[in-house]
N, C-alpha and C. Protein backbone atom coordinates (compact mmCIF):
# COMPACT_ATOMS: atom_id res chain seq x y z
N MET A 1 5.61 13.74 44.16
CA MET A 1 5.57 12.55 43.35
C MET A 1 4.24 12.43 42.63
N ARG A 2 3.13 12.68 43.35
CA ARG A 2 1.80 12.61 42.76
C ARG A 2 1.67 13.66 41.67
N ALA A 3 2.24 14.83 41.83
CA ALA A 3 2.17 15.88 40.82
C ALA A 3 2.89 15.43 39.55
N ARG A 4 4.01 14.72 39.67
CA ARG A 4 4.72 14.23 38.49
C ARG A 4 3.86 13.23 37.71
N LEU A 5 3.18 12.32 38.41
CA LEU A 5 2.32 11.35 37.74
C LEU A 5 1.18 12.03 37.00
N VAL A 6 0.57 13.05 37.60
CA VAL A 6 -0.51 13.79 36.96
C VAL A 6 0.01 14.48 35.71
N LEU A 7 1.20 15.12 35.79
CA LEU A 7 1.78 15.79 34.63
C LEU A 7 2.13 14.79 33.52
N ALA A 8 2.66 13.64 33.89
CA ALA A 8 3.00 12.62 32.90
C ALA A 8 1.74 12.11 32.22
N ALA A 9 0.67 11.87 32.97
CA ALA A 9 -0.58 11.41 32.39
C ALA A 9 -1.16 12.47 31.46
N ALA A 10 -1.08 13.73 31.84
CA ALA A 10 -1.59 14.82 31.00
C ALA A 10 -0.78 14.91 29.71
N ALA A 11 0.53 14.74 29.82
CA ALA A 11 1.37 14.81 28.62
C ALA A 11 1.04 13.65 27.67
N LEU A 12 0.82 12.45 28.19
CA LEU A 12 0.47 11.32 27.35
C LEU A 12 -0.90 11.50 26.70
N ALA A 13 -1.82 12.14 27.39
CA ALA A 13 -3.15 12.37 26.83
C ALA A 13 -3.08 13.38 25.68
N VAL A 14 -2.16 14.33 25.73
CA VAL A 14 -2.03 15.35 24.69
C VAL A 14 -1.25 14.82 23.49
N LEU A 15 -0.40 13.80 23.66
CA LEU A 15 0.47 13.29 22.60
C LEU A 15 -0.28 12.92 21.32
N PRO A 16 -1.38 12.12 21.36
CA PRO A 16 -2.06 11.79 20.11
C PRO A 16 -2.59 13.02 19.39
N ALA A 17 -3.10 14.00 20.12
CA ALA A 17 -3.61 15.22 19.51
C ALA A 17 -2.46 16.00 18.87
N ALA A 18 -1.32 16.01 19.49
CA ALA A 18 -0.17 16.72 18.94
C ALA A 18 0.33 16.07 17.66
N CYS A 19 0.08 14.78 17.50
CA CYS A 19 0.51 14.06 16.30
C CYS A 19 -0.52 14.16 15.19
N GLY A 20 -1.60 14.88 15.40
CA GLY A 20 -2.57 15.11 14.34
C GLY A 20 -3.69 14.08 14.29
N GLY A 21 -3.83 13.22 15.28
CA GLY A 21 -4.89 12.22 15.26
C GLY A 21 -5.81 12.38 16.43
N ASP A 22 -7.00 11.81 16.33
CA ASP A 22 -7.95 11.86 17.42
C ASP A 22 -7.68 10.77 18.44
N GLY A 23 -7.08 9.68 18.01
CA GLY A 23 -6.81 8.55 18.90
C GLY A 23 -5.35 8.20 18.84
N PRO A 24 -5.04 7.02 19.31
CA PRO A 24 -3.65 6.59 19.26
C PRO A 24 -3.16 6.49 17.81
N ALA A 25 -1.94 6.89 17.60
CA ALA A 25 -1.35 6.83 16.26
C ALA A 25 -1.15 5.37 15.88
N PRO A 26 -1.47 4.99 14.62
CA PRO A 26 -1.26 3.60 14.21
C PRO A 26 0.23 3.26 14.18
N LEU A 27 0.52 2.02 14.55
CA LEU A 27 1.91 1.58 14.53
C LEU A 27 2.31 1.30 13.09
N PRO A 28 3.58 1.47 12.76
CA PRO A 28 4.01 1.14 11.39
C PRO A 28 3.85 -0.36 11.13
N VAL A 29 3.56 -0.68 9.88
CA VAL A 29 3.36 -2.07 9.49
C VAL A 29 4.68 -2.65 9.01
N ALA A 30 5.03 -3.82 9.50
CA ALA A 30 6.23 -4.52 9.02
C ALA A 30 5.91 -5.10 7.65
N CYS A 31 6.83 -4.94 6.72
CA CYS A 31 6.64 -5.44 5.35
C CYS A 31 7.73 -6.45 5.01
N PRO A 32 7.38 -7.47 4.22
CA PRO A 32 8.44 -8.35 3.71
C PRO A 32 9.30 -7.55 2.75
N ARG A 33 10.57 -7.85 2.74
CA ARG A 33 11.47 -7.09 1.88
C ARG A 33 11.50 -7.70 0.47
N PRO A 34 11.09 -6.91 -0.55
CA PRO A 34 11.15 -7.45 -1.90
C PRO A 34 12.54 -7.30 -2.50
N GLY A 35 12.82 -8.10 -3.51
CA GLY A 35 14.12 -8.01 -4.18
C GLY A 35 14.03 -8.49 -5.61
N ILE A 36 15.02 -8.13 -6.40
CA ILE A 36 15.12 -8.55 -7.78
C ILE A 36 16.16 -9.67 -7.81
N LEU A 37 15.79 -10.82 -8.38
CA LEU A 37 16.75 -11.91 -8.49
C LEU A 37 17.89 -11.48 -9.41
N SER A 38 19.12 -11.58 -8.96
CA SER A 38 20.25 -11.11 -9.76
C SER A 38 20.38 -11.90 -11.07
N ASP A 39 20.12 -13.20 -11.04
CA ASP A 39 20.22 -14.00 -12.27
C ASP A 39 19.09 -13.71 -13.24
N GLY A 40 18.02 -13.08 -12.77
CA GLY A 40 16.86 -12.83 -13.63
C GLY A 40 16.57 -11.36 -13.86
N ALA A 41 17.53 -10.49 -13.58
CA ALA A 41 17.30 -9.05 -13.73
C ALA A 41 17.46 -8.56 -15.16
N ASP A 42 18.08 -9.37 -16.03
CA ASP A 42 18.33 -8.98 -17.42
C ASP A 42 17.70 -9.98 -18.37
N LEU A 43 17.21 -9.49 -19.49
CA LEU A 43 16.63 -10.33 -20.53
C LEU A 43 17.17 -9.85 -21.87
N THR A 44 17.93 -10.70 -22.53
CA THR A 44 18.49 -10.37 -23.85
C THR A 44 17.90 -11.35 -24.85
N ARG A 45 17.30 -10.82 -25.91
CA ARG A 45 16.72 -11.67 -26.94
C ARG A 45 17.46 -11.45 -28.26
N TRP A 46 17.76 -12.57 -28.93
CA TRP A 46 18.48 -12.58 -30.20
C TRP A 46 17.58 -13.13 -31.30
N GLN A 47 17.96 -12.93 -32.53
CA GLN A 47 17.24 -13.56 -33.64
C GLN A 47 17.36 -15.07 -33.47
N PRO A 48 16.26 -15.80 -33.60
CA PRO A 48 16.33 -17.26 -33.44
C PRO A 48 17.24 -17.90 -34.49
N GLY A 49 18.08 -18.82 -34.04
CA GLY A 49 18.94 -19.58 -34.93
C GLY A 49 20.14 -18.84 -35.47
N ALA A 50 20.32 -17.59 -35.11
CA ALA A 50 21.44 -16.81 -35.62
C ALA A 50 22.60 -16.84 -34.64
N VAL A 51 23.79 -16.53 -35.15
CA VAL A 51 24.96 -16.38 -34.30
C VAL A 51 24.71 -15.17 -33.39
N ARG A 52 25.08 -15.29 -32.13
CA ARG A 52 24.82 -14.20 -31.19
C ARG A 52 25.94 -13.16 -31.25
N ASP A 53 25.62 -12.07 -31.93
CA ASP A 53 26.51 -10.91 -31.94
C ASP A 53 25.62 -9.67 -32.01
N LEU A 54 26.22 -8.51 -32.02
CA LEU A 54 25.46 -7.27 -31.98
C LEU A 54 24.45 -7.17 -33.12
N THR A 55 24.77 -7.70 -34.29
CA THR A 55 23.86 -7.57 -35.45
C THR A 55 22.61 -8.43 -35.31
N THR A 56 22.62 -9.44 -34.44
CA THR A 56 21.44 -10.30 -34.28
C THR A 56 20.66 -10.01 -32.99
N LEU A 57 21.03 -8.93 -32.29
CA LEU A 57 20.35 -8.54 -31.05
C LEU A 57 18.98 -7.94 -31.38
N VAL A 58 17.91 -8.52 -30.82
CA VAL A 58 16.56 -8.01 -31.00
C VAL A 58 16.29 -6.92 -29.96
N PHE A 59 16.50 -7.23 -28.68
CA PHE A 59 16.41 -6.22 -27.61
C PHE A 59 17.15 -6.71 -26.38
N ASP A 60 17.49 -5.77 -25.53
CA ASP A 60 18.14 -6.04 -24.26
C ASP A 60 17.35 -5.28 -23.21
N ALA A 61 16.83 -5.98 -22.19
CA ALA A 61 15.98 -5.35 -21.18
C ALA A 61 16.50 -5.65 -19.79
N ARG A 62 16.06 -4.83 -18.83
CA ARG A 62 16.43 -5.04 -17.44
C ARG A 62 15.30 -4.56 -16.52
N ILE A 63 15.25 -5.17 -15.37
CA ILE A 63 14.36 -4.69 -14.31
C ILE A 63 15.15 -3.64 -13.57
N THR A 64 14.66 -2.41 -13.57
CA THR A 64 15.44 -1.29 -13.03
C THR A 64 15.10 -0.93 -11.59
N GLY A 65 13.99 -1.43 -11.07
CA GLY A 65 13.66 -1.10 -9.69
C GLY A 65 12.30 -1.62 -9.28
N LEU A 66 12.01 -1.47 -7.99
CA LEU A 66 10.73 -1.87 -7.41
C LEU A 66 10.25 -0.76 -6.50
N SER A 67 8.97 -0.49 -6.55
CA SER A 67 8.37 0.39 -5.55
C SER A 67 7.16 -0.34 -4.99
N GLY A 68 6.73 0.05 -3.83
CA GLY A 68 5.58 -0.64 -3.26
C GLY A 68 5.22 -0.15 -1.88
N SER A 69 4.24 -0.83 -1.33
CA SER A 69 3.76 -0.49 0.01
C SER A 69 3.07 -1.72 0.60
N CYS A 70 2.77 -1.64 1.88
CA CYS A 70 1.97 -2.69 2.50
C CYS A 70 1.14 -2.08 3.63
N ARG A 71 0.05 -2.77 3.92
CA ARG A 71 -0.85 -2.32 4.98
C ARG A 71 -1.53 -3.54 5.58
N PRO A 72 -2.06 -3.39 6.78
CA PRO A 72 -2.74 -4.52 7.39
C PRO A 72 -3.97 -4.90 6.57
N GLY A 73 -4.27 -6.19 6.52
CA GLY A 73 -5.45 -6.68 5.81
C GLY A 73 -6.61 -6.84 6.75
N ARG A 74 -7.55 -7.68 6.36
CA ARG A 74 -8.77 -7.89 7.14
C ARG A 74 -8.45 -8.40 8.54
N ARG A 75 -8.97 -7.70 9.51
CA ARG A 75 -8.83 -8.08 10.94
C ARG A 75 -7.38 -8.32 11.34
N ASP A 76 -6.46 -7.66 10.66
CA ASP A 76 -5.02 -7.79 10.95
C ASP A 76 -4.55 -9.25 10.83
N ARG A 77 -5.23 -10.05 10.03
CA ARG A 77 -4.84 -11.45 9.83
C ARG A 77 -4.11 -11.65 8.51
N SER A 78 -3.97 -10.57 7.77
CA SER A 78 -3.23 -10.65 6.52
C SER A 78 -2.48 -9.34 6.31
N LEU A 79 -1.58 -9.38 5.37
CA LEU A 79 -0.78 -8.22 5.00
C LEU A 79 -1.03 -8.00 3.52
N GLU A 80 -1.48 -6.83 3.15
CA GLU A 80 -1.76 -6.49 1.76
C GLU A 80 -0.54 -5.76 1.20
N VAL A 81 0.15 -6.41 0.27
CA VAL A 81 1.39 -5.87 -0.31
C VAL A 81 1.11 -5.46 -1.75
N THR A 82 1.57 -4.28 -2.12
CA THR A 82 1.47 -3.79 -3.50
C THR A 82 2.88 -3.54 -4.01
N LEU A 83 3.22 -4.15 -5.16
CA LEU A 83 4.55 -3.97 -5.76
C LEU A 83 4.40 -3.52 -7.20
N THR A 84 5.28 -2.60 -7.61
CA THR A 84 5.31 -2.11 -8.98
C THR A 84 6.75 -2.16 -9.48
N PRO A 85 7.06 -3.09 -10.40
CA PRO A 85 8.42 -3.13 -10.96
C PRO A 85 8.55 -2.13 -12.12
N ALA A 86 9.78 -1.65 -12.31
CA ALA A 86 10.10 -0.74 -13.42
C ALA A 86 11.04 -1.46 -14.38
N PHE A 87 10.89 -1.19 -15.66
CA PHE A 87 11.65 -1.86 -16.70
C PHE A 87 12.27 -0.84 -17.65
N ALA A 88 13.35 -1.26 -18.30
CA ALA A 88 13.95 -0.48 -19.38
C ALA A 88 14.39 -1.46 -20.46
N ALA A 89 14.29 -1.06 -21.73
CA ALA A 89 14.70 -1.92 -22.83
C ALA A 89 15.37 -1.08 -23.90
N GLU A 90 16.30 -1.71 -24.58
CA GLU A 90 16.98 -1.08 -25.71
C GLU A 90 16.83 -2.01 -26.91
N ARG A 91 16.32 -1.46 -28.01
CA ARG A 91 16.12 -2.24 -29.23
C ARG A 91 17.44 -2.38 -29.95
N GLY A 92 17.73 -3.60 -30.40
CA GLY A 92 18.97 -3.86 -31.12
C GLY A 92 18.77 -3.77 -32.63
N PRO A 93 19.85 -3.91 -33.39
CA PRO A 93 19.79 -3.83 -34.85
C PRO A 93 18.83 -4.85 -35.47
N ALA A 94 18.70 -6.04 -34.86
CA ALA A 94 17.81 -7.06 -35.40
C ALA A 94 16.36 -6.84 -34.97
N GLY A 95 16.12 -5.80 -34.17
CA GLY A 95 14.76 -5.48 -33.74
C GLY A 95 13.93 -4.92 -34.88
N GLY A 96 14.62 -4.49 -35.95
CA GLY A 96 13.92 -3.98 -37.13
C GLY A 96 12.92 -2.91 -36.78
N GLY A 97 11.77 -3.03 -37.35
CA GLY A 97 10.72 -2.04 -37.11
C GLY A 97 9.85 -2.38 -35.92
N ALA A 98 10.24 -3.37 -35.12
CA ALA A 98 9.42 -3.74 -33.95
C ALA A 98 9.26 -2.53 -33.04
N ARG A 99 8.03 -2.22 -32.72
CA ARG A 99 7.75 -1.06 -31.88
C ARG A 99 7.49 -1.44 -30.43
N VAL A 100 7.47 -2.77 -30.14
CA VAL A 100 7.16 -3.23 -28.80
C VAL A 100 8.12 -4.35 -28.40
N ALA A 101 8.61 -4.29 -27.17
CA ALA A 101 9.38 -5.39 -26.58
C ALA A 101 8.46 -6.08 -25.57
N GLU A 102 8.25 -7.37 -25.75
CA GLU A 102 7.43 -8.13 -24.82
C GLU A 102 8.33 -8.78 -23.79
N LEU A 103 8.09 -8.42 -22.54
CA LEU A 103 8.97 -8.83 -21.44
C LEU A 103 8.21 -9.74 -20.47
N PRO A 104 8.45 -11.05 -20.51
CA PRO A 104 7.80 -11.96 -19.55
C PRO A 104 8.50 -11.87 -18.19
N TRP A 105 7.72 -11.73 -17.12
CA TRP A 105 8.31 -11.61 -15.78
C TRP A 105 7.37 -12.26 -14.77
N PHE A 106 7.89 -12.42 -13.54
CA PHE A 106 7.06 -13.02 -12.48
C PHE A 106 7.41 -12.44 -11.12
N ILE A 107 6.47 -12.66 -10.20
CA ILE A 107 6.67 -12.37 -8.77
C ILE A 107 6.49 -13.69 -8.03
N ALA A 108 7.41 -13.99 -7.12
CA ALA A 108 7.32 -15.20 -6.30
C ALA A 108 7.41 -14.82 -4.83
N VAL A 109 6.53 -15.40 -4.03
CA VAL A 109 6.56 -15.23 -2.58
C VAL A 109 7.15 -16.51 -2.01
N VAL A 110 8.23 -16.36 -1.25
CA VAL A 110 8.93 -17.50 -0.69
C VAL A 110 8.80 -17.45 0.83
N GLY A 111 8.52 -18.61 1.41
CA GLY A 111 8.38 -18.70 2.86
C GLY A 111 9.59 -19.33 3.49
N PRO A 112 9.47 -19.68 4.76
CA PRO A 112 10.58 -20.34 5.46
C PRO A 112 10.96 -21.63 4.74
N GLY A 113 12.23 -21.94 4.72
CA GLY A 113 12.69 -23.16 4.06
C GLY A 113 12.70 -23.04 2.54
N ASP A 114 12.66 -21.81 2.03
CA ASP A 114 12.68 -21.54 0.58
C ASP A 114 11.53 -22.18 -0.18
N GLU A 115 10.41 -22.37 0.49
CA GLU A 115 9.22 -22.91 -0.15
C GLU A 115 8.50 -21.80 -0.91
N VAL A 116 8.22 -22.02 -2.21
CA VAL A 116 7.49 -21.03 -3.01
C VAL A 116 6.01 -21.15 -2.64
N LEU A 117 5.48 -20.08 -2.06
CA LEU A 117 4.10 -20.08 -1.59
C LEU A 117 3.14 -19.53 -2.64
N GLN A 118 3.59 -18.56 -3.41
CA GLN A 118 2.79 -17.95 -4.47
C GLN A 118 3.71 -17.61 -5.62
N ARG A 119 3.17 -17.70 -6.84
CA ARG A 119 3.93 -17.30 -8.02
C ARG A 119 2.95 -16.82 -9.06
N GLN A 120 3.19 -15.62 -9.59
CA GLN A 120 2.32 -15.05 -10.61
C GLN A 120 3.17 -14.59 -11.78
N SER A 121 2.75 -14.93 -13.01
CA SER A 121 3.48 -14.53 -14.21
C SER A 121 2.73 -13.40 -14.93
N PHE A 122 3.51 -12.54 -15.59
CA PHE A 122 2.96 -11.38 -16.29
C PHE A 122 3.72 -11.16 -17.59
N MET A 123 3.16 -10.31 -18.45
CA MET A 123 3.83 -9.89 -19.67
C MET A 123 3.77 -8.37 -19.72
N GLU A 124 4.93 -7.74 -19.67
CA GLU A 124 5.00 -6.28 -19.80
C GLU A 124 5.35 -5.96 -21.24
N ARG A 125 4.68 -5.00 -21.81
CA ARG A 125 4.95 -4.57 -23.18
C ARG A 125 5.45 -3.14 -23.15
N LEU A 126 6.73 -2.98 -23.50
CA LEU A 126 7.32 -1.64 -23.57
C LEU A 126 7.30 -1.18 -25.01
N ALA A 127 6.70 -0.04 -25.25
CA ALA A 127 6.59 0.51 -26.60
C ALA A 127 7.73 1.47 -26.87
N PHE A 128 8.33 1.32 -28.06
CA PHE A 128 9.37 2.24 -28.51
C PHE A 128 8.69 3.35 -29.32
N SER A 129 9.00 4.59 -29.01
CA SER A 129 8.48 5.71 -29.80
C SER A 129 9.14 5.68 -31.17
N ARG A 130 8.50 6.29 -32.13
CA ARG A 130 9.03 6.32 -33.50
C ARG A 130 10.44 6.92 -33.48
N GLY A 131 11.36 6.20 -34.08
CA GLY A 131 12.74 6.68 -34.18
C GLY A 131 13.57 6.50 -32.93
N GLU A 132 12.99 5.93 -31.88
CA GLU A 132 13.70 5.73 -30.61
C GLU A 132 14.13 4.27 -30.47
N THR A 133 15.26 4.05 -29.84
CA THR A 133 15.72 2.69 -29.60
C THR A 133 15.64 2.31 -28.12
N ARG A 134 15.21 3.25 -27.28
CA ARG A 134 15.10 2.97 -25.84
C ARG A 134 13.68 3.23 -25.35
N ALA A 135 13.26 2.40 -24.40
CA ALA A 135 11.94 2.56 -23.79
C ALA A 135 12.03 2.20 -22.32
N ALA A 136 11.19 2.80 -21.53
CA ALA A 136 11.14 2.51 -20.10
C ALA A 136 9.71 2.66 -19.62
N GLY A 137 9.39 1.96 -18.54
CA GLY A 137 8.05 2.06 -17.99
C GLY A 137 7.89 1.19 -16.76
N GLU A 138 6.72 1.33 -16.15
CA GLU A 138 6.37 0.54 -14.97
C GLU A 138 5.21 -0.37 -15.31
N ALA A 139 5.18 -1.53 -14.68
CA ALA A 139 4.06 -2.46 -14.81
C ALA A 139 2.90 -1.93 -13.97
N GLU A 140 1.74 -2.48 -14.21
CA GLU A 140 0.60 -2.19 -13.34
C GLU A 140 0.93 -2.74 -11.95
N PRO A 141 0.49 -2.06 -10.89
CA PRO A 141 0.77 -2.57 -9.55
C PRO A 141 0.19 -3.97 -9.35
N VAL A 142 0.95 -4.82 -8.66
CA VAL A 142 0.53 -6.17 -8.35
C VAL A 142 0.21 -6.22 -6.85
N ARG A 143 -0.96 -6.75 -6.53
CA ARG A 143 -1.38 -6.83 -5.14
C ARG A 143 -1.29 -8.29 -4.66
N LEU A 144 -0.67 -8.46 -3.50
CA LEU A 144 -0.52 -9.77 -2.88
C LEU A 144 -1.14 -9.73 -1.50
N SER A 145 -1.77 -10.80 -1.09
CA SER A 145 -2.31 -10.92 0.25
C SER A 145 -1.58 -12.06 0.94
N LEU A 146 -0.88 -11.73 2.03
CA LEU A 146 -0.08 -12.71 2.76
C LEU A 146 -0.66 -12.92 4.15
N PRO A 147 -0.95 -14.18 4.53
CA PRO A 147 -1.49 -14.41 5.87
C PRO A 147 -0.43 -14.13 6.94
N VAL A 148 -0.86 -13.47 8.00
CA VAL A 148 0.00 -13.23 9.16
C VAL A 148 -0.80 -13.54 10.42
N GLY A 149 -0.11 -13.74 11.49
CA GLY A 149 -0.76 -14.04 12.77
C GLY A 149 0.26 -14.60 13.72
N GLU A 150 -0.22 -15.45 14.63
CA GLU A 150 0.68 -16.01 15.63
C GLU A 150 1.73 -16.93 15.01
N GLU A 151 1.36 -17.65 13.95
CA GLU A 151 2.29 -18.61 13.36
C GLU A 151 3.17 -18.02 12.26
N ARG A 152 2.77 -16.91 11.67
CA ARG A 152 3.52 -16.36 10.55
C ARG A 152 3.59 -14.83 10.66
N ARG A 153 4.80 -14.29 10.50
CA ARG A 153 5.03 -12.84 10.55
C ARG A 153 5.48 -12.36 9.18
N ALA A 154 5.44 -11.06 8.98
CA ALA A 154 5.87 -10.47 7.70
C ALA A 154 7.33 -10.83 7.40
N SER A 155 8.14 -10.93 8.42
CA SER A 155 9.56 -11.24 8.22
C SER A 155 9.79 -12.68 7.77
N ASP A 156 8.75 -13.53 7.83
CA ASP A 156 8.87 -14.91 7.36
C ASP A 156 8.82 -15.00 5.83
N TYR A 157 8.40 -13.92 5.17
CA TYR A 157 8.22 -13.92 3.72
C TYR A 157 9.37 -13.20 3.03
N ARG A 158 9.70 -13.68 1.83
CA ARG A 158 10.58 -12.95 0.92
C ARG A 158 9.86 -12.88 -0.42
N ILE A 159 9.97 -11.75 -1.08
CA ILE A 159 9.29 -11.56 -2.36
C ILE A 159 10.35 -11.27 -3.41
N PHE A 160 10.31 -12.03 -4.52
CA PHE A 160 11.29 -11.86 -5.59
C PHE A 160 10.60 -11.52 -6.90
N VAL A 161 11.25 -10.67 -7.67
CA VAL A 161 10.80 -10.32 -9.02
C VAL A 161 11.92 -10.72 -9.97
N SER A 162 11.55 -11.28 -11.13
CA SER A 162 12.53 -11.74 -12.11
C SER A 162 11.87 -11.82 -13.48
N PHE A 163 12.70 -11.76 -14.51
CA PHE A 163 12.21 -12.10 -15.84
C PHE A 163 12.01 -13.61 -15.90
N GLU A 164 11.08 -14.07 -16.75
CA GLU A 164 10.91 -15.49 -17.05
C GLU A 164 12.00 -15.83 -18.06
N LEU A 165 12.96 -16.64 -17.68
CA LEU A 165 14.10 -16.95 -18.54
C LEU A 165 14.19 -18.44 -18.80
N THR A 166 14.75 -18.77 -19.95
CA THR A 166 15.08 -20.17 -20.25
C THR A 166 16.35 -20.52 -19.47
N PRO A 167 16.64 -21.79 -19.27
CA PRO A 167 17.90 -22.16 -18.60
C PRO A 167 19.12 -21.58 -19.33
N GLU A 168 19.06 -21.51 -20.66
CA GLU A 168 20.17 -20.94 -21.43
C GLU A 168 20.33 -19.43 -21.14
N GLU A 169 19.21 -18.72 -21.01
CA GLU A 169 19.28 -17.28 -20.71
C GLU A 169 19.81 -17.03 -19.31
N VAL A 170 19.45 -17.89 -18.36
CA VAL A 170 19.99 -17.77 -16.99
C VAL A 170 21.51 -17.98 -17.03
N ALA A 171 21.97 -18.98 -17.79
CA ALA A 171 23.41 -19.25 -17.90
C ALA A 171 24.15 -18.06 -18.50
N VAL A 172 23.56 -17.41 -19.51
CA VAL A 172 24.17 -16.22 -20.11
C VAL A 172 24.30 -15.12 -19.07
N ASN A 173 23.24 -14.89 -18.28
CA ASN A 173 23.27 -13.85 -17.25
C ASN A 173 24.33 -14.16 -16.19
N ARG A 174 24.46 -15.41 -15.81
CA ARG A 174 25.46 -15.78 -14.83
C ARG A 174 26.89 -15.58 -15.35
N ARG A 175 27.11 -15.92 -16.62
CA ARG A 175 28.45 -15.71 -17.21
C ARG A 175 28.76 -14.22 -17.32
N ARG A 176 27.78 -13.45 -17.73
CA ARG A 176 27.98 -12.01 -17.93
C ARG A 176 28.14 -11.28 -16.59
N GLY A 177 27.42 -11.74 -15.58
CA GLY A 177 27.47 -11.09 -14.28
C GLY A 177 26.55 -9.89 -14.20
N PRO A 178 26.40 -9.31 -13.01
CA PRO A 178 25.51 -8.16 -12.85
C PRO A 178 25.98 -6.94 -13.62
N ARG A 179 25.01 -6.19 -14.12
CA ARG A 179 25.36 -4.97 -14.87
C ARG A 179 24.98 -3.74 -14.10
């Protein structure tokens, strides 16, 4: 029995070295799960005051994805989250010679009870190459610091990304449904 305990202790002592570290391997960090608001994933802009049809379409854009990471913050009392949204836009016939689509968007951190704890707005500018009607790109990474500890865990947070839309644009997205 004593020999088994010695062998088990020796095996545990070798484990960190076998994993490539000098000390204990760091535990994975729990991250809040980010998401794209379905009602705010699309942004369609038309010529102002015109009838809405294909000929008056300025551009049609969408949030195509999110990438990111998180790591422990100072003294493990915060969580440092980095998010990078990706966008795509298609210029419409009414876009004329416009070489840039300006896409207003935001990130919101929501806590328990659907309370908005943080909200940041941004403007992404997607440039269309000469002769091209489609453009895609990623925003600059956005860094968020979320407090964690005994009272708050990473799972208490939800992070949402959406275009900044007027109530009328939200209604259009809801009628059209997800694409």
